[in-house]
Amino acid sequence: MTWTIEQRDWDDPAGAALREAQRIELDARYGSDDHEPGAIPTAHDIDVFLVAVSPDGQAIGCGALRRLDQASAEVKRMYVTPAGRGSGVATAILRSLESEARTRGWTTLRLETGTAQPDAIRFYEREGYHPIPRYGAYVNSDISVCYERAL
């Protein structure tokens, strides 16, 4: 499958639809809508938002970066539609986010995923992210699993 990865505004309708699909999926996995211990990303705190688009124009995945400090950022809202999974698009989005981070001078990416997301855990570990202690808003969250990668 071929796709393009485009930088879009946080409020882009296709991106909003992907984030809503992710929320619905996570609500089902966790059995509630109480599965995000940190601050919910907004247009005001997201520095980069990428959307992967299939050749027929369908948005099939997304990912974002939120700056943490001068040297690091957090990966947010990584999501690929069920139809796009296994195609390599998630890796392409993540590598594009890493490239965007490097252009901004960030040397470290961190992220939080959850205990009910073993597929995400496997993905990040396969892509070179290593477990770290829970940080920031996730320190006291029993459902959080945190990762980091030096760029």
N, C-alpha and C. Protein backbone atom coordinates (compact mmCIF):
# COMPACT_ATOMS: atom_id res chain seq x y z
N MET A 1 0.85 -1.19 0.00
CA MET A 1 0.00 0.00 0.00
C MET A 1 0.89 1.24 0.00
N THR A 2 0.49 2.22 -0.73
CA THR A 2 1.20 3.49 -0.80
C THR A 2 0.37 4.55 -0.11
N TRP A 3 1.01 5.48 0.52
CA TRP A 3 0.32 6.57 1.20
C TRP A 3 1.23 7.79 1.18
N THR A 4 0.65 8.91 1.53
CA THR A 4 1.44 10.12 1.74
C THR A 4 1.21 10.56 3.18
N ILE A 5 2.21 11.22 3.73
CA ILE A 5 2.08 11.74 5.09
C ILE A 5 2.14 13.25 4.99
N GLU A 6 1.09 13.87 5.50
CA GLU A 6 0.93 15.32 5.37
C GLU A 6 0.87 15.98 6.73
N GLN A 7 1.51 17.14 6.85
CA GLN A 7 1.34 17.93 8.06
C GLN A 7 0.03 18.68 7.93
N ARG A 8 -0.78 18.60 8.97
CA ARG A 8 -2.09 19.25 8.97
C ARG A 8 -2.30 20.00 10.28
N ASP A 9 -3.31 20.87 10.26
CA ASP A 9 -3.72 21.55 11.48
C ASP A 9 -4.35 20.54 12.42
N TRP A 10 -4.21 20.75 13.71
CA TRP A 10 -4.81 19.88 14.70
C TRP A 10 -6.31 19.73 14.49
N ASP A 11 -6.95 20.81 14.07
CA ASP A 11 -8.41 20.80 13.90
C ASP A 11 -8.87 20.28 12.54
N ASP A 12 -7.96 19.77 11.72
CA ASP A 12 -8.31 19.19 10.43
C ASP A 12 -9.40 18.13 10.62
N PRO A 13 -10.48 18.17 9.82
CA PRO A 13 -11.58 17.23 10.01
C PRO A 13 -11.17 15.75 9.90
N ALA A 14 -10.30 15.42 8.97
CA ALA A 14 -9.87 14.03 8.84
C ALA A 14 -9.08 13.60 10.07
N GLY A 15 -8.22 14.47 10.56
CA GLY A 15 -7.46 14.17 11.77
C GLY A 15 -8.36 14.04 12.98
N ALA A 16 -9.35 14.91 13.09
CA ALA A 16 -10.29 14.83 14.21
C ALA A 16 -11.06 13.51 14.16
N ALA A 17 -11.43 13.06 12.97
CA ALA A 17 -12.14 11.79 12.83
C ALA A 17 -11.25 10.61 13.26
N LEU A 18 -9.98 10.66 12.91
CA LEU A 18 -9.05 9.61 13.34
C LEU A 18 -8.91 9.60 14.86
N ARG A 19 -8.78 10.76 15.46
CA ARG A 19 -8.64 10.82 16.92
C ARG A 19 -9.91 10.33 17.62
N GLU A 20 -11.07 10.61 17.03
CA GLU A 20 -12.33 10.12 17.60
C GLU A 20 -12.40 8.59 17.49
N ALA A 21 -11.98 8.04 16.37
CA ALA A 21 -11.97 6.59 16.21
C ALA A 21 -11.03 5.96 17.24
N GLN A 22 -9.89 6.60 17.48
CA GLN A 22 -8.96 6.10 18.48
C GLN A 22 -9.61 6.12 19.86
N ARG A 23 -10.27 7.21 20.18
CA ARG A 23 -10.92 7.33 21.50
C ARG A 23 -11.95 6.23 21.69
N ILE A 24 -12.76 5.96 20.67
CA ILE A 24 -13.78 4.92 20.76
C ILE A 24 -13.13 3.55 20.98
N GLU A 25 -12.06 3.29 20.26
CA GLU A 25 -11.36 2.01 20.41
C GLU A 25 -10.78 1.87 21.81
N LEU A 26 -10.16 2.94 22.32
CA LEU A 26 -9.57 2.87 23.66
C LEU A 26 -10.64 2.79 24.75
N ASP A 27 -11.76 3.46 24.57
CA ASP A 27 -12.86 3.34 25.53
C ASP A 27 -13.29 1.88 25.65
N ALA A 28 -13.36 1.19 24.51
CA ALA A 28 -13.76 -0.22 24.51
C ALA A 28 -12.70 -1.08 25.19
N ARG A 29 -11.44 -0.81 24.92
CA ARG A 29 -10.36 -1.62 25.52
C ARG A 29 -10.31 -1.47 27.03
N TYR A 30 -10.50 -0.25 27.51
CA TYR A 30 -10.38 0.01 28.94
C TYR A 30 -11.71 -0.09 29.68
N GLY A 31 -12.80 -0.19 28.95
CA GLY A 31 -14.10 -0.32 29.59
C GLY A 31 -14.64 0.98 30.16
N SER A 32 -14.00 2.10 29.83
CA SER A 32 -14.45 3.41 30.29
C SER A 32 -13.74 4.48 29.47
N ASP A 33 -14.12 5.72 29.69
CA ASP A 33 -13.44 6.82 29.00
C ASP A 33 -12.38 7.47 29.90
N ASP A 34 -12.05 6.80 31.01
CA ASP A 34 -11.07 7.33 31.96
C ASP A 34 -9.74 6.60 31.77
N HIS A 35 -9.08 6.89 30.65
CA HIS A 35 -7.83 6.19 30.35
C HIS A 35 -6.74 7.14 29.87
N GLU A 36 -6.90 8.42 30.14
CA GLU A 36 -5.85 9.37 29.78
C GLU A 36 -5.47 10.20 31.00
N PRO A 37 -4.40 9.80 31.69
CA PRO A 37 -4.02 10.51 32.91
C PRO A 37 -3.44 11.90 32.66
N GLY A 38 -2.87 12.14 31.50
CA GLY A 38 -2.24 13.42 31.21
C GLY A 38 -3.22 14.43 30.63
N ALA A 39 -2.71 15.61 30.37
CA ALA A 39 -3.51 16.66 29.76
C ALA A 39 -3.88 16.26 28.33
N ILE A 40 -5.13 16.41 27.99
CA ILE A 40 -5.60 16.09 26.64
C ILE A 40 -4.98 17.08 25.67
N PRO A 41 -4.39 16.58 24.58
CA PRO A 41 -3.76 17.48 23.60
C PRO A 41 -4.78 18.44 22.98
N THR A 42 -4.31 19.64 22.69
CA THR A 42 -5.14 20.65 22.03
C THR A 42 -4.33 21.33 20.94
N ALA A 43 -5.00 22.12 20.15
CA ALA A 43 -4.32 22.88 19.09
C ALA A 43 -3.26 23.81 19.67
N HIS A 44 -3.42 24.21 20.93
CA HIS A 44 -2.49 25.15 21.56
C HIS A 44 -1.19 24.50 22.02
N ASP A 45 -1.20 23.17 22.24
CA ASP A 45 0.03 22.56 22.75
C ASP A 45 0.61 21.47 21.84
N ILE A 46 0.01 21.25 20.69
CA ILE A 46 0.56 20.30 19.72
C ILE A 46 1.41 21.08 18.72
N ASP A 47 2.66 20.67 18.59
CA ASP A 47 3.59 21.36 17.70
C ASP A 47 3.55 20.82 16.28
N VAL A 48 3.28 19.53 16.14
CA VAL A 48 3.26 18.86 14.84
C VAL A 48 2.11 17.86 14.84
N PHE A 49 1.33 17.85 13.77
CA PHE A 49 0.28 16.85 13.61
C PHE A 49 0.37 16.33 12.18
N LEU A 50 0.57 15.02 12.05
CA LEU A 50 0.71 14.39 10.75
C LEU A 50 -0.45 13.44 10.50
N VAL A 51 -0.89 13.41 9.24
CA VAL A 51 -1.96 12.50 8.81
C VAL A 51 -1.47 11.73 7.61
N ALA A 52 -1.63 10.41 7.65
CA ALA A 52 -1.30 9.55 6.51
C ALA A 52 -2.56 9.38 5.68
N VAL A 53 -2.41 9.56 4.37
CA VAL A 53 -3.54 9.52 3.45
C VAL A 53 -3.28 8.46 2.38
N SER A 54 -4.27 7.61 2.14
CA SER A 54 -4.15 6.56 1.13
C SER A 54 -4.31 7.17 -0.27
N PRO A 55 -3.96 6.42 -1.31
CA PRO A 55 -4.07 6.96 -2.68
C PRO A 55 -5.48 7.43 -3.05
N ASP A 56 -6.50 6.81 -2.42
CA ASP A 56 -7.88 7.23 -2.73
C ASP A 56 -8.35 8.39 -1.86
N GLY A 57 -7.42 8.99 -1.10
CA GLY A 57 -7.75 10.18 -0.32
C GLY A 57 -8.26 9.92 1.09
N GLN A 58 -8.27 8.67 1.53
CA GLN A 58 -8.75 8.35 2.87
C GLN A 58 -7.64 8.55 3.91
N ALA A 59 -7.98 9.22 4.99
CA ALA A 59 -7.05 9.37 6.11
C ALA A 59 -6.99 8.03 6.84
N ILE A 60 -5.78 7.45 6.93
CA ILE A 60 -5.66 6.12 7.52
C ILE A 60 -4.81 6.08 8.78
N GLY A 61 -4.20 7.19 9.15
CA GLY A 61 -3.39 7.20 10.36
C GLY A 61 -2.96 8.61 10.73
N CYS A 62 -2.53 8.76 11.97
CA CYS A 62 -2.08 10.07 12.43
C CYS A 62 -1.11 9.93 13.59
N GLY A 63 -0.45 11.02 13.89
CA GLY A 63 0.45 11.10 15.03
C GLY A 63 0.81 12.56 15.26
N ALA A 64 1.18 12.88 16.49
CA ALA A 64 1.47 14.26 16.85
C ALA A 64 2.68 14.33 17.78
N LEU A 65 3.22 15.54 17.90
CA LEU A 65 4.28 15.83 18.85
C LEU A 65 3.89 17.02 19.71
N ARG A 66 4.13 16.86 21.00
CA ARG A 66 3.93 17.95 21.96
C ARG A 66 5.26 18.16 22.67
N ARG A 67 5.77 19.37 22.58
CA ARG A 67 7.05 19.70 23.21
C ARG A 67 6.96 19.57 24.72
N LEU A 68 7.97 18.92 25.29
CA LEU A 68 8.06 18.78 26.75
C LEU A 68 9.02 19.80 27.34
N ASP A 69 10.17 19.98 26.70
CA ASP A 69 11.17 20.94 27.13
C ASP A 69 12.06 21.26 25.93
N GLN A 70 13.17 21.93 26.15
CA GLN A 70 14.02 22.35 25.02
C GLN A 70 14.53 21.19 24.19
N ALA A 71 14.73 20.03 24.82
CA ALA A 71 15.36 18.92 24.12
C ALA A 71 14.44 17.76 23.82
N SER A 72 13.21 17.79 24.32
CA SER A 72 12.36 16.60 24.15
C SER A 72 10.91 16.95 23.84
N ALA A 73 10.26 15.96 23.24
CA ALA A 73 8.85 16.07 22.91
C ALA A 73 8.18 14.73 23.18
N GLU A 74 6.87 14.77 23.25
CA GLU A 74 6.08 13.59 23.52
C GLU A 74 5.27 13.22 22.28
N VAL A 75 5.29 11.95 21.93
CA VAL A 75 4.46 11.44 20.84
C VAL A 75 3.04 11.31 21.37
N LYS A 76 2.10 11.88 20.64
CA LYS A 76 0.69 11.84 21.03
C LYS A 76 -0.15 11.37 19.85
N ARG A 77 -1.24 10.74 20.15
CA ARG A 77 -2.30 10.39 19.21
C ARG A 77 -1.83 9.57 18.00
N MET A 78 -0.88 8.66 18.25
CA MET A 78 -0.52 7.70 17.21
C MET A 78 -1.70 6.76 17.02
N TYR A 79 -2.19 6.70 15.80
CA TYR A 79 -3.34 5.84 15.52
C TYR A 79 -3.35 5.48 14.04
N VAL A 80 -3.68 4.22 13.76
CA VAL A 80 -3.89 3.76 12.39
C VAL A 80 -5.21 3.01 12.36
N THR A 81 -6.00 3.27 11.35
CA THR A 81 -7.28 2.58 11.21
C THR A 81 -7.06 1.08 11.09
N PRO A 82 -8.02 0.28 11.50
CA PRO A 82 -7.86 -1.18 11.37
C PRO A 82 -7.49 -1.61 9.95
N ALA A 83 -8.05 -0.99 8.94
CA ALA A 83 -7.75 -1.36 7.56
C ALA A 83 -6.30 -1.04 7.17
N GLY A 84 -5.69 -0.08 7.83
CA GLY A 84 -4.32 0.31 7.51
C GLY A 84 -3.26 -0.42 8.32
N ARG A 85 -3.67 -1.17 9.32
CA ARG A 85 -2.72 -1.86 10.18
C ARG A 85 -2.00 -2.98 9.42
N GLY A 86 -0.72 -3.12 9.72
CA GLY A 86 0.09 -4.13 9.06
C GLY A 86 0.67 -3.69 7.74
N SER A 87 0.40 -2.46 7.35
CA SER A 87 0.86 -1.95 6.06
C SER A 87 2.20 -1.22 6.14
N GLY A 88 2.65 -0.92 7.35
CA GLY A 88 3.87 -0.14 7.53
C GLY A 88 3.61 1.34 7.73
N VAL A 89 2.35 1.75 7.66
CA VAL A 89 2.05 3.17 7.77
C VAL A 89 2.35 3.71 9.17
N ALA A 90 2.16 2.90 10.21
CA ALA A 90 2.46 3.37 11.57
C ALA A 90 3.95 3.69 11.70
N THR A 91 4.79 2.82 11.18
CA THR A 91 6.23 3.07 11.21
C THR A 91 6.57 4.33 10.43
N ALA A 92 5.94 4.50 9.28
CA ALA A 92 6.20 5.69 8.46
C ALA A 92 5.80 6.97 9.20
N ILE A 93 4.67 6.94 9.89
CA ILE A 93 4.24 8.12 10.66
C ILE A 93 5.24 8.39 11.78
N LEU A 94 5.63 7.34 12.50
CA LEU A 94 6.57 7.52 13.61
C LEU A 94 7.91 8.06 13.12
N ARG A 95 8.42 7.53 12.03
CA ARG A 95 9.69 8.04 11.48
C ARG A 95 9.55 9.49 11.03
N SER A 96 8.41 9.85 10.47
CA SER A 96 8.18 11.24 10.08
C SER A 96 8.13 12.15 11.29
N LEU A 97 7.51 11.69 12.37
CA LEU A 97 7.51 12.47 13.61
C LEU A 97 8.93 12.64 14.14
N GLU A 98 9.72 11.57 14.10
CA GLU A 98 11.11 11.67 14.55
C GLU A 98 11.89 12.67 13.71
N SER A 99 11.65 12.66 12.41
CA SER A 99 12.32 13.62 11.52
C SER A 99 11.91 15.05 11.86
N GLU A 100 10.63 15.26 12.10
CA GLU A 100 10.14 16.59 12.49
C GLU A 100 10.79 17.02 13.81
N ALA A 101 10.94 16.10 14.74
CA ALA A 101 11.56 16.43 16.03
C ALA A 101 13.01 16.86 15.82
N ARG A 102 13.72 16.13 14.99
CA ARG A 102 15.12 16.47 14.73
C ARG A 102 15.24 17.87 14.13
N THR A 103 14.34 18.23 13.22
CA THR A 103 14.42 19.56 12.60
C THR A 103 14.18 20.66 13.62
N ARG A 104 13.52 20.36 14.72
CA ARG A 104 13.27 21.34 15.77
C ARG A 104 14.35 21.32 16.85
N GLY A 105 15.35 20.45 16.67
CA GLY A 105 16.44 20.37 17.62
C GLY A 105 16.15 19.50 18.83
N TRP A 106 15.06 18.75 18.80
CA TRP A 106 14.73 17.86 19.91
C TRP A 106 15.54 16.59 19.76
N THR A 107 16.10 16.11 20.84
CA THR A 107 16.97 14.94 20.79
C THR A 107 16.36 13.70 21.43
N THR A 108 15.22 13.87 22.06
CA THR A 108 14.58 12.74 22.74
C THR A 108 13.08 12.78 22.49
N LEU A 109 12.51 11.61 22.22
CA LEU A 109 11.06 11.48 22.16
C LEU A 109 10.62 10.55 23.27
N ARG A 110 9.55 10.94 23.95
CA ARG A 110 8.94 10.12 25.00
C ARG A 110 7.50 9.85 24.59
N LEU A 111 6.93 8.86 25.23
CA LEU A 111 5.52 8.59 24.99
C LEU A 111 4.95 7.77 26.12
N GLU A 112 3.65 7.81 26.21
CA GLU A 112 2.89 7.01 27.17
C GLU A 112 1.89 6.20 26.37
N THR A 113 1.81 4.93 26.68
CA THR A 113 0.75 4.07 26.16
C THR A 113 0.18 3.35 27.36
N GLY A 114 -0.71 2.41 27.12
CA GLY A 114 -1.38 1.81 28.26
C GLY A 114 -1.27 0.31 28.34
N THR A 115 -1.57 -0.20 29.51
CA THR A 115 -1.48 -1.63 29.78
C THR A 115 -2.45 -2.44 28.94
N ALA A 116 -3.53 -1.85 28.46
CA ALA A 116 -4.50 -2.56 27.62
C ALA A 116 -4.18 -2.42 26.13
N GLN A 117 -2.95 -2.01 25.83
CA GLN A 117 -2.53 -1.81 24.44
C GLN A 117 -1.26 -2.61 24.14
N PRO A 118 -1.31 -3.93 24.26
CA PRO A 118 -0.10 -4.73 24.02
C PRO A 118 0.43 -4.58 22.60
N ASP A 119 -0.43 -4.32 21.66
CA ASP A 119 0.01 -4.11 20.28
C ASP A 119 0.86 -2.85 20.18
N ALA A 120 0.48 -1.79 20.88
CA ALA A 120 1.27 -0.55 20.89
C ALA A 120 2.60 -0.77 21.60
N ILE A 121 2.57 -1.49 22.69
CA ILE A 121 3.81 -1.79 23.41
C ILE A 121 4.79 -2.53 22.50
N ARG A 122 4.30 -3.56 21.82
CA ARG A 122 5.17 -4.31 20.89
C ARG A 122 5.69 -3.41 19.79
N PHE A 123 4.84 -2.57 19.25
CA PHE A 123 5.23 -1.67 18.16
C PHE A 123 6.36 -0.75 18.60
N TYR A 124 6.19 -0.05 19.72
CA TYR A 124 7.21 0.90 20.15
C TYR A 124 8.53 0.20 20.48
N GLU A 125 8.45 -0.95 21.12
CA GLU A 125 9.68 -1.68 21.43
C GLU A 125 10.38 -2.11 20.14
N ARG A 126 9.62 -2.58 19.16
CA ARG A 126 10.20 -2.98 17.88
C ARG A 126 10.84 -1.80 17.16
N GLU A 127 10.30 -0.61 17.36
CA GLU A 127 10.78 0.59 16.68
C GLU A 127 11.89 1.32 17.44
N GLY A 128 12.43 0.69 18.49
CA GLY A 128 13.61 1.24 19.15
C GLY A 128 13.33 2.08 20.39
N TYR A 129 12.11 2.07 20.88
CA TYR A 129 11.80 2.79 22.11
C TYR A 129 12.00 1.84 23.29
N HIS A 130 12.56 2.37 24.38
CA HIS A 130 12.82 1.52 25.54
C HIS A 130 12.00 2.01 26.73
N PRO A 131 11.58 1.07 27.59
CA PRO A 131 10.78 1.45 28.75
C PRO A 131 11.54 2.38 29.67
N ILE A 132 10.81 3.34 30.21
CA ILE A 132 11.35 4.27 31.20
C ILE A 132 10.36 4.36 32.35
N PRO A 133 10.79 4.89 33.49
CA PRO A 133 9.83 5.11 34.57
C PRO A 133 8.73 6.08 34.11
N ARG A 134 7.55 5.90 34.66
CA ARG A 134 6.45 6.83 34.33
C ARG A 134 6.88 8.25 34.69
N TYR A 135 6.50 9.19 33.85
CA TYR A 135 6.93 10.59 34.02
C TYR A 135 5.72 11.50 34.02
N GLY A 136 5.94 12.73 34.48
CA GLY A 136 4.91 13.76 34.43
C GLY A 136 3.58 13.31 35.01
N ALA A 137 2.52 13.55 34.28
CA ALA A 137 1.17 13.22 34.74
C ALA A 137 0.93 11.72 34.86
N TYR A 138 1.84 10.91 34.35
CA TYR A 138 1.65 9.46 34.34
C TYR A 138 2.28 8.77 35.56
N VAL A 139 3.00 9.50 36.39
CA VAL A 139 3.75 8.92 37.51
C VAL A 139 2.87 8.01 38.37
N ASN A 140 1.68 8.42 38.66
CA ASN A 140 0.81 7.64 39.56
C ASN A 140 -0.27 6.85 38.81
N SER A 141 -0.11 6.69 37.53
CA SER A 141 -1.12 5.98 36.73
C SER A 141 -0.76 4.51 36.58
N ASP A 142 -1.56 3.65 37.17
CA ASP A 142 -1.30 2.21 37.09
C ASP A 142 -1.53 1.64 35.69
N ILE A 143 -2.21 2.37 34.82
CA ILE A 143 -2.45 1.86 33.47
C ILE A 143 -1.45 2.40 32.45
N SER A 144 -0.53 3.24 32.88
CA SER A 144 0.44 3.85 31.96
C SER A 144 1.72 3.04 31.86
N VAL A 145 2.24 2.97 30.63
CA VAL A 145 3.54 2.40 30.34
C VAL A 145 4.27 3.45 29.51
N CYS A 146 5.47 3.85 29.93
CA CYS A 146 6.16 4.95 29.26
C CYS A 146 7.43 4.45 28.55
N TYR A 147 7.75 5.15 27.47
CA TYR A 147 8.89 4.80 26.61
C TYR A 147 9.64 6.06 26.20
N GLU A 148 10.88 5.83 25.73
CA GLU A 148 11.72 6.93 25.28
C GLU A 148 12.65 6.40 24.19
N ARG A 149 13.04 7.33 23.31
CA ARG A 149 14.05 7.03 22.29
C ARG A 149 14.91 8.27 22.07
N ALA A 150 16.22 8.08 22.12
CA ALA A 150 17.14 9.16 21.76
C ALA A 150 17.21 9.20 20.24
N LEU A 151 17.13 10.41 19.70
CA LEU A 151 17.14 10.54 18.24
C LEU A 151 18.55 10.73 17.69
